[in-house]
C-alpha atoms as a PDB file:
ATOM      1  CA  MET A   1     -18.094  13.831  -1.507  1.00  0.00           C
ATOM      2  CA  LYS A   2     -16.041  15.876   0.952  1.00  0.00           C
ATOM      3  CA  ASN A   3     -14.575  14.038   3.958  1.00  0.00           C
ATOM      4  CA  GLU A   4     -15.259  16.154   7.059  1.00  0.00           C
ATOM      5  CA  ASN A   5     -13.294  13.949   9.490  1.00  0.00           C
ATOM      6  CA  SER A   6     -10.296  16.103  10.438  1.00  0.00           C
ATOM      7  CA  ASP A   7      -8.310  13.040  11.576  1.00  0.00           C
ATOM      8  CA  LYS A   8      -8.192  11.948   7.937  1.00  0.00           C
ATOM      9  CA  GLN A   9      -7.374  15.338   6.432  1.00  0.00           C
ATOM     10  CA  PHE A  10      -3.814  16.212   5.450  1.00  0.00           C
ATOM     11  CA  ILE A  11      -1.920  19.005   3.744  1.00  0.00           C
ATOM     12  CA  LEU A  12       0.559  18.137   1.019  1.00  0.00           C
ATOM     13  CA  LYS A  13       3.618  20.260   1.768  1.00  0.00           C
ATOM     14  CA  HIS A  14       6.636  21.250  -0.345  1.00  0.00           C
ATOM     15  CA  LYS A  15       9.090  21.877   2.467  1.00  0.00           C
ATOM     16  CA  ASN A  16       7.210  24.610   4.378  1.00  0.00           C
ATOM     17  CA  ILE A  17       4.808  25.544   1.566  1.00  0.00           C
ATOM     18  CA  ASP A  18       1.181  24.394   1.755  1.00  0.00           C
ATOM     19  CA  VAL A  19       0.317  22.878  -1.624  1.00  0.00           C
ATOM     20  CA  LEU A  20      -3.141  21.338  -1.221  1.00  0.00           C
ATOM     21  CA  LYS A  21      -5.488  19.769   1.315  1.00  0.00           C
ATOM     22  CA  PHE A  22      -6.814  16.249   0.803  1.00  0.00           C
ATOM     23  CA  SER A  23      -8.339  13.353   2.719  1.00  0.00           C
ATOM     24  CA  PHE A  24      -7.646   9.646   3.142  1.00  0.00           C
ATOM     25  CA  ASN A  25     -10.124   6.815   3.507  1.00  0.00           C
ATOM     26  CA  ASP A  26      -9.667   4.117   6.160  1.00  0.00           C
ATOM     27  CA  ALA A  27      -7.143   2.268   3.951  1.00  0.00           C
ATOM     28  CA  PHE A  28      -4.912   5.360   3.629  1.00  0.00           C
ATOM     29  CA  GLU A  29      -5.996   5.830   0.009  1.00  0.00           C
ATOM     30  CA  ILE A  30      -6.589   9.388  -1.189  1.00  0.00           C
ATOM     31  CA  ASP A  31     -10.322   9.856  -1.678  1.00  0.00           C
ATOM     32  CA  ASN A  32     -10.765  13.611  -2.084  1.00  0.00           C
ATOM     33  CA  ILE A  33      -8.942  16.849  -2.872  1.00  0.00           C
ATOM     34  CA  ILE A  34     -10.455  19.472  -0.596  1.00  0.00           C
ATOM     35  CA  ASP A  35      -8.575  22.650  -1.466  1.00  0.00           C
ATOM     36  CA  ILE A  36      -5.611  23.937  -3.508  1.00  0.00           C
ATOM     37  CA  TYR A  37      -3.288  26.478  -1.900  1.00  0.00           C
ATOM     38  CA  THR A  38      -0.250  26.823  -4.174  1.00  0.00           C
ATOM     39  CA  LYS A  39      -0.830  25.399  -7.635  1.00  0.00           C
ATOM     40  CA  GLU A  40       2.696  26.096  -8.886  1.00  0.00           C
ATOM     41  CA  HIS A  41       4.119  23.722  -6.243  1.00  0.00           C
ATOM     42  CA  ILE A  42       1.999  20.725  -7.219  1.00  0.00           C
ATOM     43  CA  PRO A  43       4.458  17.876  -7.988  1.00  0.00           C
ATOM     44  CA  LEU A  44       5.509  17.429 -11.600  1.00  0.00           C
ATOM     45  CA  GLY A  45       3.487  14.821 -13.429  1.00  0.00           C
ATOM     46  CA  ILE A  46       0.206  15.551 -11.647  1.00  0.00           C
ATOM     47  CA  SER A  47      -2.433  16.761 -14.068  1.00  0.00           C
ATOM     48  CA  THR A  48      -4.505  19.615 -12.650  1.00  0.00           C
ATOM     49  CA  GLU A  49      -7.289  19.229 -15.203  1.00  0.00           C
ATOM     50  CA  ASN A  50     -10.577  18.822 -13.336  1.00  0.00           C
ATOM     51  CA  ASP A  51     -11.405  15.426 -14.802  1.00  0.00           C
ATOM     52  CA  ASN A  52      -7.938  13.961 -14.089  1.00  0.00           C
ATOM     53  CA  PHE A  53      -6.718  15.830 -11.011  1.00  0.00           C
ATOM     54  CA  LEU A  54      -7.835  13.401  -8.300  1.00  0.00           C
ATOM     55  CA  LYS A  55      -6.816  10.301 -10.251  1.00  0.00           C
ATOM     56  CA  SER A  56      -3.460  11.842 -11.136  1.00  0.00           C
ATOM     57  CA  PHE A  57      -2.793  12.758  -7.501  1.00  0.00           C
ATOM     58  CA  GLN A  58      -3.785   9.258  -6.381  1.00  0.00           C
ATOM     59  CA  ASN A  59      -1.348   7.730  -8.890  1.00  0.00           C
ATOM     60  CA  TRP A  60       1.437  10.028  -7.707  1.00  0.00           C
ATOM     61  CA  TRP A  61       0.864   8.932  -4.113  1.00  0.00           C
ATOM     62  CA  ILE A  62       0.732   5.217  -4.995  1.00  0.00           C
ATOM     63  CA  HIS A  63       3.980   5.445  -6.971  1.00  0.00           C
ATOM     64  CA  ARG A  64       5.594   7.317  -4.100  1.00  0.00           C
ATOM     65  CA  GLY A  65       5.422   4.129  -2.072  1.00  0.00           C
ATOM     66  CA  ILE A  66       7.105   0.762  -2.435  1.00  0.00           C
ATOM     67  CA  PRO A  67       5.944  -1.127  -5.549  1.00  0.00           C
ATOM     68  CA  ALA A  68       3.870  -4.266  -5.011  1.00  0.00           C
ATOM     69  CA  SER A  69       6.473  -6.219  -6.991  1.00  0.00           C
ATOM     70  CA  ARG A  70       9.200  -5.652  -4.342  1.00  0.00           C
ATOM     71  CA  ASP A  71      10.723  -8.951  -3.206  1.00  0.00           C
ATOM     72  CA  LYS A  72       9.459 -10.116   0.235  1.00  0.00           C
ATOM     73  CA  LEU A  73       7.219  -7.048   0.578  1.00  0.00           C
ATOM     74  CA  GLN A  74       4.192  -8.792   2.093  1.00  0.00           C
ATOM     75  CA  GLU A  75       6.333 -10.636   4.628  1.00  0.00           C
ATOM     76  CA  GLY A  76       7.935  -7.343   5.634  1.00  0.00           C
ATOM     77  CA  LEU A  77       4.607  -5.573   6.037  1.00  0.00           C
ATOM     78  CA  ALA A  78       3.386  -8.425   8.226  1.00  0.00           C
ATOM     79  CA  LEU A  79       6.414  -7.966  10.510  1.00  0.00           C
ATOM     80  CA  LEU A  80       5.434  -4.305  10.886  1.00  0.00           C
ATOM     81  CA  ASN A  81       1.807  -5.259  11.572  1.00  0.00           C
ATOM     82  CA  LEU A  82       0.649  -3.359   8.492  1.00  0.00           C
ATOM     83  CA  GLU A  83      -1.515  -4.451   5.593  1.00  0.00           C
ATOM     84  CA  THR A  84      -0.642  -2.103   2.735  1.00  0.00           C
ATOM     85  CA  VAL A  85       2.134   0.098   1.381  1.00  0.00           C
ATOM     86  CA  SER A  86      -0.270   3.073   1.490  1.00  0.00           C
ATOM     87  CA  GLU A  87      -0.681   2.583   5.228  1.00  0.00           C
ATOM     88  CA  LEU A  88       3.106   2.454   5.708  1.00  0.00           C
ATOM     89  CA  LEU A  89       3.567   5.600   3.639  1.00  0.00           C
ATOM     90  CA  GLY A  90       0.704   7.470   5.288  1.00  0.00           C
ATOM     91  CA  LYS A  91       1.824   6.712   8.837  1.00  0.00           C
ATOM     92  CA  SER A  92       5.301   8.079   8.083  1.00  0.00           C
ATOM     93  CA  TYR A  93       4.069  11.352   6.529  1.00  0.00           C
ATOM     94  CA  GLY A  94       5.262  10.363   3.042  1.00  0.00           C
ATOM     95  CA  VAL A  95       8.722  11.805   3.723  1.00  0.00           C
ATOM     96  CA  SER A  96      11.426  10.830   1.220  1.00  0.00           C
ATOM     97  CA  LEU A  97      15.140  11.264   0.577  1.00  0.00           C
ATOM     98  CA  SER A  98      14.391  11.878  -3.110  1.00  0.00           C
ATOM     99  CA  ASP A  99      12.493  15.168  -2.889  1.00  0.00           C
ATOM    100  CA  HIS A 100      11.026  17.696  -0.442  1.00  0.00           C
ATOM    101  CA  TYR A 101       7.344  16.702  -0.423  1.00  0.00           C
ATOM    102  CA  TRP A 102       5.538  15.342   2.629  1.00  0.00           C
ATOM    103  CA  ILE A 103       2.078  15.281   4.185  1.00  0.00           C
ATOM    104  CA  LYS A 104       1.048  16.984   7.427  1.00  0.00           C
ATOM    105  CA  PRO A 105      -2.038  15.998   9.411  1.00  0.00           C
ATOM    106  CA  ILE A 106      -4.089  19.149   9.861  1.00  0.00           C
ATOM    107  CA  ASN A 107      -4.381  18.499  13.597  1.00  0.00           C
ATOM    108  CA  GLN A 108      -0.624  18.132  14.216  1.00  0.00           C
ATOM    109  CA  ASN A 109       2.015  20.827  14.554  1.00  0.00           C
ATOM    110  CA  LEU A 110       4.902  19.545  12.427  1.00  0.00           C
ATOM    111  CA  GLU A 111       7.640  21.415  10.584  1.00  0.00           C
ATOM    112  CA  TRP A 112       9.885  20.361   7.677  1.00  0.00           C
ATOM    113  CA  ASP A 113      13.048  21.094   9.683  1.00  0.00           C
ATOM    114  CA  ASN A 114      11.994  18.587  12.340  1.00  0.00           C
ATOM    115  CA  ILE A 115      10.779  15.812  10.062  1.00  0.00           C
ATOM    116  CA  ASN A 116      13.005  15.614   6.974  1.00  0.00           C
ATOM    117  CA  TYR A 117      15.624  12.871   6.666  1.00  0.00           C
ATOM    118  CA  TYR A 118      18.284  15.105   5.141  1.00  0.00           C
ATOM    119  CA  LYS A 119      18.969  16.535   8.602  1.00  0.00           C
ATOM    120  CA  ASN A 120      17.251  14.171  11.037  1.00  0.00           C
ATOM    121  CA  SER A 121      17.908  10.563  11.953  1.00  0.00           C
ATOM    122  CA  PHE A 122      15.464   7.746  11.230  1.00  0.00           C
ATOM    123  CA  SER A 123      14.539   4.296  12.479  1.00  0.00           C
ATOM    124  CA  ASP A 124      15.978   1.096  11.031  1.00  0.00           C
ATOM    125  CA  ASP A 125      12.876  -0.982  11.878  1.00  0.00           C
ATOM    126  CA  VAL A 126      11.444  -0.742   8.356  1.00  0.00           C
ATOM    127  CA  GLY A 127      14.832  -1.670   6.890  1.00  0.00           C
ATOM    128  CA  LYS A 128      14.953  -4.724   9.151  1.00  0.00           C
ATOM    129  CA  ALA A 129      11.522  -5.836   7.992  1.00  0.00           C
ATOM    130  CA  LEU A 130      11.873  -5.111   4.269  1.00  0.00           C
ATOM    131  CA  PHE A 131      15.560  -5.738   3.605  1.00  0.00           C
ATOM    132  CA  ASP A 132      17.244  -7.920   6.223  1.00  0.00           C
ATOM    133  CA  ASN A 133      16.813 -11.656   6.583  1.00  0.00           C
ATOM    134  CA  ILE A 134      13.229 -11.630   7.812  1.00  0.00           C
ATOM    135  CA  LYS A 135      13.548 -15.180   9.155  1.00  0.00           C
ATOM    136  CA  LYS A 136      15.438 -13.647  12.074  1.00  0.00           C
ATOM    137  CA  TYR A 137      12.290 -11.841  13.227  1.00  0.00           C
ATOM    138  CA  ASP A 138       8.891 -13.132  14.254  1.00  0.00           C
ATOM    139  CA  SER A 139       7.599  -9.579  14.477  1.00  0.00           C
ATOM    140  CA  ILE A 140       8.892  -6.111  15.279  1.00  0.00           C
ATOM    141  CA  GLU A 141       6.983  -4.915  18.307  1.00  0.00           C
ATOM    142  CA  ASN A 142       6.129  -1.217  18.444  1.00  0.00           C
ATOM    143  CA  ALA A 143       8.003  -0.605  15.197  1.00  0.00           C
ATOM    144  CA  GLU A 144       9.073   2.971  14.520  1.00  0.00           C
ATOM    145  CA  LEU A 145       7.909   3.829  10.996  1.00  0.00           C
ATOM    146  CA  ASN A 146       9.851   7.072  10.495  1.00  0.00           C
ATOM    147  CA  SER A 147      12.095   5.918   7.658  1.00  0.00           C
ATOM    148  CA  PRO A 148      12.913   6.920   4.069  1.00  0.00           C
ATOM    149  CA  ASP A 149      12.625   3.201   3.255  1.00  0.00           C
ATOM    150  CA  ASN A 150       8.851   3.745   3.124  1.00  0.00           C
ATOM    151  CA  SER A 151       9.193   5.822  -0.045  1.00  0.00           C
ATOM    152  CA  SER A 152      12.008   3.953  -1.803  1.00  0.00           C
ATOM    153  CA  ASP A 153      10.975   3.044  -5.339  1.00  0.00           C
ATOM    154  CA  GLY A 154      12.072   0.060  -7.420  1.00  0.00           C
ATOM    155  CA  ASN A 155      11.736  -3.701  -7.318  1.00  0.00           C
ATOM    156  CA  LEU A 156      15.045  -4.513  -5.615  1.00  0.00           C
ATOM    157  CA  ARG A 157      15.155  -4.774  -1.837  1.00  0.00           C
ATOM    158  CA  LYS A 158      16.822  -1.703  -0.379  1.00  0.00           C
ATOM    159  CA  LYS A 159      17.243   0.311   2.792  1.00  0.00           C
ATOM    160  CA  TRP A 160      18.765   3.617   3.860  1.00  0.00           C
ATOM    161  CA  ILE A 161      21.443   3.885   6.536  1.00  0.00           C
ATOM    162  CA  ILE A 162      23.437   6.714   8.085  1.00  0.00           C
ATOM    163  CA  ASN A 163      27.178   6.073   8.327  1.00  0.00           C
ATOM    164  CA  LYS A 164      29.348   8.825   9.818  1.00  0.00           C
ATOM    165  CA  GLY A 165      26.662  11.389   9.025  1.00  0.00           C
ATOM    166  CA  ILE A 166      26.281  10.370   5.356  1.00  0.00           C
ATOM    167  CA  ARG A 167      23.110   8.795   3.949  1.00  0.00           C
ATOM    168  CA  TYR A 168      23.689   5.627   1.926  1.00  0.00           C
ATOM    169  CA  LEU A 169      21.160   3.511   0.030  1.00  0.00           C
ATOM    170  CA  ILE A 170      21.963  -0.196   0.293  1.00  0.00           C
ATOM    171  CA  LYS A 171      20.545  -2.404  -2.466  1.00  0.00           C
ATOM    172  CA  GLY A 172      20.222  -6.159  -2.707  1.00  0.00           C
ATOM    173  CA  GLY A 173      19.399  -8.524  -5.542  1.00  0.00           C
ATOM    174  CA  ASP A 174      16.554 -10.990  -5.670  1.00  0.00           C
ATOM    175  CA  MET A 175      16.184 -14.537  -6.950  1.00  0.00           C
ATOM    176  CA  PHE A 176      14.908 -13.346 -10.346  1.00  0.00           C
ATOM    177  CA  SER A 177      17.509 -10.645 -11.037  1.00  0.00           C
ATOM    178  CA  PRO A 178      20.587 -11.205  -8.822  1.00  0.00           C
ATOM    179  CA  GLN A 179      22.833  -9.400 -11.322  1.00  0.00           C
ATOM    180  CA  GLU A 180      20.852  -6.153 -11.492  1.00  0.00           C
ATOM    181  CA  SER A 181      22.481  -4.372  -8.541  1.00  0.00           C
ATOM    182  CA  PHE A 182      25.962  -5.280  -9.838  1.00  0.00           C
ATOM    183  CA  ASN A 183      25.023  -3.880 -13.256  1.00  0.00           C
ATOM    184  CA  GLU A 184      24.351  -0.521 -11.590  1.00  0.00           C
ATOM    185  CA  VAL A 185      27.880  -0.526 -10.156  1.00  0.00           C
ATOM    186  CA  ILE A 186      29.318  -1.277 -13.601  1.00  0.00           C
ATOM    187  CA  ALA A 187      27.180   1.453 -15.202  1.00  0.00           C
ATOM    188  CA  ALA A 188      28.341   3.960 -12.574  1.00  0.00           C
ATOM    189  CA  GLU A 189      31.991   3.093 -13.279  1.00  0.00           C
ATOM    190  CA  LEU A 190      31.420   3.589 -17.022  1.00  0.00           C
ATOM    191  CA  MET A 191      29.846   6.988 -16.332  1.00  0.00           C
ATOM    192  CA  ASN A 192      32.821   7.889 -14.158  1.00  0.00           C
ATOM    193  CA  ARG A 193      35.293   7.072 -16.915  1.00  0.00           C
ATOM    194  CA  LEU A 194      33.244   9.063 -19.422  1.00  0.00           C
ATOM    195  CA  ASN A 195      33.068  12.066 -17.045  1.00  0.00           C
ATOM    196  CA  ILE A 196      29.260  11.987 -17.000  1.00  0.00           C
ATOM    197  CA  ASN A 197      27.469  13.144 -13.834  1.00  0.00           C
ATOM    198  CA  HIS A 198      25.884  10.170 -12.102  1.00  0.00           C
ATOM    199  CA  ALA A 199      24.956   8.616  -8.773  1.00  0.00           C
ATOM    200  CA  GLU A 200      27.938   6.800  -7.300  1.00  0.00           C
ATOM    201  CA  TYR A 201      27.591   3.119  -6.431  1.00  0.00           C
END
């Protein structure tokens, strides 16, 4: 059933290109695809077959957010006065430092140049809640949610920072896999010695 509440309707954008219009329910879960504007810009991995389109788009959105298995996730959400990862992602327009997709409320005048994290700064409130020693904080009042941390995948705790104009992703271990982040450094060094293109750690 089509959601006619404009406050819950958004446009999935690929930079400045309108891709499709959809709606959220009260829990910031996608409940309807209203219209398709540019089919060739639908994100890879989303099936556009009629029977699977909505479910495939919902899965893409869920996996765009922080996985439920992230260490200390629920404690971090509580510090931000949020209940779910979908709410965190939805309130920050789904912007990422991994691609150029985002969501625009149909009743707001936003542009990619003013919202993307490749060019613009971002808050460290989400990083404080999800990465730092949360025992230092009882809550983060009036937290600013504009952060690429909201769309950082993977189980390890992590946060983005800007240092001298360069974006860096800081990763930490957890009690179950403290060695994992160090393994990524070792793997990167092996790739370097083999002259294979890779992300530097």
